[in-house]
Amino acid sequence: MHSLLSGPLSTQRLTVKIAGLPTSLQGKKLVQMSDFHYDGLRLSEEMLENAIAVSNQVKPDLVLLTGDYITTSPTPIHQLVLRLKHLHSRAGIYAILGNHDIYYTHSKAEVTAALNNIGVNVLWNEIAYPLGKELPLIGLADRYSKEFNPASVMNQLDPAIPRIVLSHNPDTAEILQAWRVDLQLSGHTHGGQIVIPGIGPVVVVYKKIMRKIPLKIRRRIPFLRRNFSVVHHWEWAQGLHQLGKNQLYVNRGLGTYLPGRLFCRPEITIITLQSE
């Protein structure tokens, strides 16, 4: 993907306050990367190299990858991991899978194995403790998988203990309001890719226009039949959101689909944890 279509890499820095965060975890730095779509078309080698360099410069305590390493065929994952193996982190690298990573029946196993082989821990409805028992890290199955079952994982945790949840699709934040989620990290939306400043993703405007066109006409025009239901909650397409007591952060991703990005640059996120 040429930089003219994607724009230069953006480094987003934010501080997230977590109630009950132990003193020992104050100031811990997390790096989030998402939506690589590494297939020779949607992510340049230069962009990927820059993202890895930025992450390593921060000397993060934890690197978190939130899905969609590939687009359709899982084959490119074997080239991608040759790049990702250069990522460094004090407490390890943890990942979840996105909907594109389970596109074919064999994709999940192939992507997981490739990541595991370079020391990346792939969580699929699992709990890990890279920063200790006082801050569990939960990785959920993708929303579109038959195995998506947050209750089976979330109910294992004491509500008094703070936690971070990795879930590729931000729509899951609505379901996860049934539990304590101090910070949910998601991707999937690419930030909407084309954003109208002050209004939001162009897809939101598009949908409003589509509702005014009679269904009979929409059905006759192939372009109008395209499915834009990537997510239901486009208002959560990017950035930090407060949902009751829960917090959601949506990363804009590194990969770019045609026709490209506008006012929505690819992103690497650096998160500093603070007690509330």
Protein backbone atom coordinates (compact mmCIF):
# COMPACT_ATOMS: atom_id res chain seq x y z
CA MET A 1 0.00 0.00 0.00
CA HIS A 2 1.58 3.28 -1.16
CA SER A 3 1.93 5.94 1.54
CA LEU A 4 -0.10 8.35 -0.61
CA LEU A 5 -3.12 6.09 -0.08
CA SER A 6 -2.54 5.41 3.61
CA GLY A 7 -0.80 8.52 4.91
CA PRO A 8 2.21 8.40 7.28
CA LEU A 9 2.23 6.39 10.49
CA SER A 10 0.65 8.13 13.49
CA THR A 11 1.80 7.49 17.07
CA GLN A 12 -1.06 7.90 19.53
CA ARG A 13 -0.10 8.34 23.19
CA LEU A 14 -2.61 8.16 26.00
CA THR A 15 -2.78 7.61 29.73
CA VAL A 16 -5.49 5.26 30.97
CA LYS A 17 -6.63 5.37 34.57
CA ILE A 18 -7.52 2.04 36.18
CA ALA A 19 -9.27 1.80 39.55
CA GLY A 20 -7.34 -0.36 42.00
CA LEU A 21 -4.20 -0.55 39.86
CA PRO A 22 -1.39 -1.76 42.12
CA THR A 23 1.46 0.67 42.82
CA SER A 24 3.87 -1.79 41.19
CA LEU A 25 2.04 -1.38 37.85
CA GLN A 26 1.92 2.43 37.87
CA GLY A 27 3.45 3.85 34.72
CA LYS A 28 3.62 0.53 32.88
CA LYS A 29 3.67 1.06 29.12
CA LEU A 30 1.64 -0.97 26.64
CA VAL A 31 1.94 -0.85 22.86
CA GLN A 32 -1.04 -1.81 20.70
CA MET A 33 -0.88 -2.67 16.99
CA SER A 34 -3.79 -3.92 14.94
CA ASP A 35 -5.13 -4.81 11.48
CA PHE A 36 -1.92 -5.45 9.56
CA HIS A 37 -3.62 -7.09 6.54
CA TYR A 38 -0.18 -8.19 5.44
CA ASP A 39 -0.73 -9.54 1.94
CA GLY A 40 1.51 -7.47 -0.32
CA LEU A 41 -1.27 -4.99 -1.10
CA ARG A 42 -2.50 -3.28 2.06
CA LEU A 43 0.60 -2.63 4.17
CA SER A 44 3.98 -1.38 3.01
CA GLU A 45 7.21 -2.84 4.36
CA GLU A 46 8.26 0.69 5.29
CA MET A 47 5.12 1.28 7.39
CA LEU A 48 5.57 -2.03 9.20
CA GLU A 49 9.27 -1.38 9.82
CA ASN A 50 8.43 2.08 11.22
CA ALA A 51 5.79 0.66 13.56
CA ILE A 52 8.18 -1.96 14.92
CA ALA A 53 10.91 0.67 15.41
CA VAL A 54 8.53 3.01 17.26
CA SER A 55 7.42 0.18 19.54
CA ASN A 56 10.98 -0.86 20.36
CA GLN A 57 12.04 2.74 21.07
CA VAL A 58 9.37 2.98 23.77
CA LYS A 59 10.78 -0.14 25.50
CA PRO A 60 7.25 -1.33 26.34
CA ASP A 61 6.36 -3.56 29.25
CA LEU A 62 3.82 -5.33 27.05
CA VAL A 63 3.06 -5.46 23.32
CA LEU A 64 -0.54 -6.29 22.38
CA LEU A 65 -1.64 -7.26 18.88
CA THR A 66 -5.38 -7.11 18.23
CA GLY A 67 -5.95 -9.15 15.10
CA ASP A 68 -6.25 -9.30 11.31
CA TYR A 69 -2.65 -10.15 10.47
CA ILE A 70 -3.74 -11.39 7.03
CA THR A 71 -6.66 -10.71 4.69
CA THR A 72 -7.81 -14.00 3.13
CA SER A 73 -5.09 -16.62 2.55
CA PRO A 74 -3.08 -17.37 5.70
CA THR A 75 0.13 -17.88 3.69
CA PRO A 76 1.50 -14.30 4.19
CA ILE A 77 1.60 -14.84 7.97
CA HIS A 78 4.88 -16.71 7.48
CA GLN A 79 6.50 -13.59 6.01
CA LEU A 80 4.87 -11.28 8.54
CA VAL A 81 6.27 -13.15 11.53
CA LEU A 82 9.79 -12.69 10.14
CA ARG A 83 9.21 -8.97 10.75
CA LEU A 84 7.26 -9.27 14.01
CA LYS A 85 9.99 -11.37 15.63
CA HIS A 86 11.99 -8.12 15.94
CA LEU A 87 9.45 -6.70 18.41
CA HIS A 88 10.76 -6.42 21.98
CA SER A 89 8.81 -6.29 25.23
CA ARG A 90 9.72 -6.75 28.89
CA ALA A 91 6.75 -8.98 29.74
CA GLY A 92 6.11 -10.54 26.36
CA ILE A 93 3.91 -10.13 23.29
CA TYR A 94 0.27 -11.20 23.41
CA ALA A 95 -2.19 -11.43 20.55
CA ILE A 96 -5.76 -12.23 19.61
CA LEU A 97 -7.18 -13.17 16.23
CA GLY A 98 -9.51 -11.14 14.05
CA ASN A 99 -12.21 -12.20 11.61
CA HIS A 100 -9.76 -12.32 8.67
CA ASP A 101 -7.49 -14.67 10.61
CA ILE A 102 -10.25 -17.29 10.66
CA TYR A 103 -11.43 -16.70 7.06
CA TYR A 104 -10.75 -20.31 6.02
CA THR A 105 -11.21 -23.35 8.24
CA HIS A 106 -7.42 -23.92 8.35
CA SER A 107 -6.51 -20.25 8.87
CA LYS A 108 -6.85 -20.14 12.66
CA ALA A 109 -4.41 -22.98 13.28
CA GLU A 110 -1.87 -21.72 10.73
CA VAL A 111 -1.87 -18.12 11.97
CA THR A 112 -1.73 -19.19 15.62
CA ALA A 113 1.17 -21.60 15.02
CA ALA A 114 3.18 -19.00 13.09
CA LEU A 115 2.79 -16.42 15.85
CA ASN A 116 3.53 -18.95 18.60
CA ASN A 117 6.71 -19.98 16.78
CA ILE A 118 8.20 -16.49 17.28
CA GLY A 119 7.13 -16.35 20.92
CA VAL A 120 3.88 -14.41 20.48
CA ASN A 121 1.24 -15.74 22.88
CA VAL A 122 -2.11 -16.06 21.08
CA LEU A 123 -5.11 -15.92 23.43
CA TRP A 124 -8.41 -17.46 22.34
CA ASN A 125 -10.93 -17.27 25.20
CA GLU A 126 -8.00 -17.36 27.61
CA ILE A 127 -6.60 -15.46 30.58
CA ALA A 128 -2.91 -14.65 30.96
CA TYR A 129 -0.94 -12.87 33.68
CA PRO A 130 2.08 -11.23 31.99
CA LEU A 131 2.04 -8.33 34.49
CA GLY A 132 1.14 -10.51 37.48
CA LYS A 133 -2.01 -11.84 39.14
CA GLU A 134 -3.16 -8.30 40.02
CA LEU A 135 -3.89 -7.38 36.38
CA PRO A 136 -5.21 -10.28 34.27
CA LEU A 137 -5.10 -10.05 30.47
CA ILE A 138 -8.08 -11.64 28.71
CA GLY A 139 -8.04 -12.52 25.02
CA LEU A 140 -11.44 -13.32 23.50
CA ALA A 141 -12.36 -15.35 20.43
CA ASP A 142 -13.42 -13.22 17.48
CA ARG A 143 -16.98 -11.91 17.51
CA TYR A 144 -17.78 -13.78 14.28
CA SER A 145 -16.53 -17.11 15.58
CA LYS A 146 -18.92 -19.74 16.94
CA GLU A 147 -16.57 -19.91 19.92
CA PHE A 148 -17.18 -16.30 20.96
CA ASN A 149 -18.37 -16.79 24.54
CA PRO A 150 -17.17 -14.03 26.87
CA ALA A 151 -19.17 -15.33 29.85
CA SER A 152 -17.09 -18.52 29.97
CA VAL A 153 -13.95 -16.43 30.42
CA MET A 154 -15.10 -13.30 32.26
CA ASN A 155 -16.96 -15.26 34.95
CA GLN A 156 -13.68 -16.84 36.03
CA LEU A 157 -12.45 -13.50 37.40
CA ASP A 158 -13.11 -11.82 40.74
CA PRO A 159 -14.95 -8.52 39.98
CA ALA A 160 -12.69 -6.78 42.51
CA ILE A 161 -9.63 -7.37 40.31
CA PRO A 162 -8.86 -4.90 37.49
CA ARG A 163 -8.32 -6.38 34.03
CA ILE A 164 -7.50 -5.65 30.38
CA VAL A 165 -9.53 -7.32 27.62
CA LEU A 166 -8.44 -7.86 24.01
CA SER A 167 -11.37 -8.18 21.62
CA HIS A 168 -10.92 -7.51 17.90
CA ASN A 169 -14.41 -6.15 17.17
CA PRO A 170 -15.36 -3.06 19.24
CA ASP A 171 -19.05 -3.98 19.05
CA THR A 172 -18.31 -6.53 21.77
CA ALA A 173 -17.98 -3.64 24.24
CA GLU A 174 -21.77 -3.57 24.37
CA ILE A 175 -21.91 -7.21 25.48
CA LEU A 176 -18.96 -6.79 27.84
CA GLN A 177 -20.78 -4.14 29.85
CA ALA A 178 -22.11 -7.08 31.86
CA TRP A 179 -18.63 -7.36 33.43
CA ARG A 180 -15.88 -5.15 34.72
CA VAL A 181 -13.58 -4.12 31.85
CA ASP A 182 -11.02 -1.54 32.94
CA LEU A 183 -9.64 -1.33 29.41
CA GLN A 184 -10.79 -3.08 26.24
CA LEU A 185 -8.45 -2.89 23.25
CA SER A 186 -9.99 -3.40 19.81
CA GLY A 187 -9.35 -2.72 16.13
CA HIS A 188 -11.36 -4.00 13.12
CA THR A 189 -12.78 -0.66 11.91
CA HIS A 190 -9.58 0.89 10.46
CA GLY A 191 -11.00 4.02 12.07
CA GLY A 192 -13.51 4.22 9.24
CA GLN A 193 -10.61 4.91 6.82
CA ILE A 194 -12.30 7.98 5.27
CA VAL A 195 -13.30 10.50 7.93
CA ILE A 196 -15.06 13.83 7.58
CA PRO A 197 -13.56 16.16 10.22
CA GLY A 198 -16.12 17.16 12.81
CA ILE A 199 -18.61 14.54 11.57
CA GLY A 200 -16.91 11.15 11.65
CA PRO A 201 -16.47 8.17 9.31
CA VAL A 202 -17.97 8.72 5.86
CA VAL A 203 -19.73 5.34 6.19
CA VAL A 204 -22.04 6.90 8.78
CA VAL A 205 -23.10 9.61 6.31
CA TYR A 206 -23.42 6.99 3.56
CA LYS A 207 -25.75 4.87 5.65
CA LYS A 208 -27.99 7.85 6.39
CA ILE A 209 -28.28 8.57 2.67
CA MET A 210 -28.99 4.89 1.90
CA ARG A 211 -31.91 4.84 4.31
CA LYS A 212 -33.61 7.52 2.21
CA ILE A 213 -33.37 5.48 -1.02
CA PRO A 214 -36.26 3.02 -1.48
CA LEU A 215 -35.28 -0.63 -0.96
CA LYS A 216 -36.51 -1.59 -4.46
CA ILE A 217 -34.02 0.81 -6.04
CA ARG A 218 -31.15 -0.25 -3.77
CA ARG A 219 -31.63 -3.88 -4.78
CA ARG A 220 -31.23 -3.04 -8.48
CA ILE A 221 -27.92 -1.21 -8.12
CA PRO A 222 -24.95 -3.47 -7.21
CA PHE A 223 -22.97 -0.65 -5.57
CA LEU A 224 -25.85 0.15 -3.27
CA ARG A 225 -26.15 -3.51 -2.25
CA ARG A 226 -22.65 -3.55 -0.79
CA ASN A 227 -22.58 -4.51 2.85
CA PHE A 228 -21.13 -1.78 5.07
CA SER A 229 -22.00 -3.54 8.32
CA VAL A 230 -18.40 -3.89 9.52
CA VAL A 231 -19.64 -2.76 12.91
CA HIS A 232 -22.91 -1.57 14.34
CA HIS A 233 -21.36 1.08 16.61
CA TRP A 234 -19.51 3.34 14.17
CA GLU A 235 -19.42 5.95 16.93
CA TRP A 236 -16.70 3.75 18.45
CA ALA A 237 -14.69 3.60 15.21
CA GLN A 238 -11.52 4.99 16.81
CA GLY A 239 -10.11 6.42 20.02
CA LEU A 240 -10.99 6.13 23.71
CA HIS A 241 -14.60 5.70 24.84
CA GLN A 242 -16.16 5.56 28.28
CA LEU A 243 -19.00 3.02 28.43
CA GLY A 244 -20.41 3.25 31.93
CA LYS A 245 -17.50 2.21 34.15
CA ASN A 246 -15.79 0.36 31.29
CA GLN A 247 -13.24 1.86 28.89
CA LEU A 248 -12.77 0.98 25.22
CA TYR A 249 -9.88 1.99 22.98
CA VAL A 250 -10.11 1.35 19.23
CA ASN A 251 -6.91 1.39 17.20
CA ARG A 252 -7.14 2.58 13.54
CA GLY A 253 -4.88 -0.23 12.34
CA LEU A 254 -1.83 -0.31 10.09
CA GLY A 255 -3.27 -1.85 6.91
CA THR A 256 -5.33 0.08 4.38
CA TYR A 257 -8.03 -0.97 1.94
CA LEU A 258 -8.72 0.87 -1.32
CA PRO A 259 -9.69 3.65 -1.94
CA GLY A 260 -7.33 4.57 0.92
CA ARG A 261 -7.40 6.72 4.04
CA LEU A 262 -8.41 10.34 4.48
CA PHE A 263 -8.00 12.16 7.82
CA CYS A 264 -7.52 8.69 9.33
CA ARG A 265 -3.83 7.80 9.46
CA PRO A 266 -2.52 4.31 10.32
CA GLU A 267 -1.79 4.02 14.01
CA ILE A 268 0.45 2.56 16.67
CA THR A 269 -0.81 3.22 20.21
CA ILE A 270 1.31 3.77 23.33
CA ILE A 271 -0.68 3.45 26.54
CA THR A 272 0.58 4.38 30.00
CA LEU A 273 -1.30 2.89 32.96
CA GLN A 274 -2.15 5.01 35.99
CA SER A 275 -4.21 4.34 39.11
CA GLU A 276 -7.48 6.20 39.37
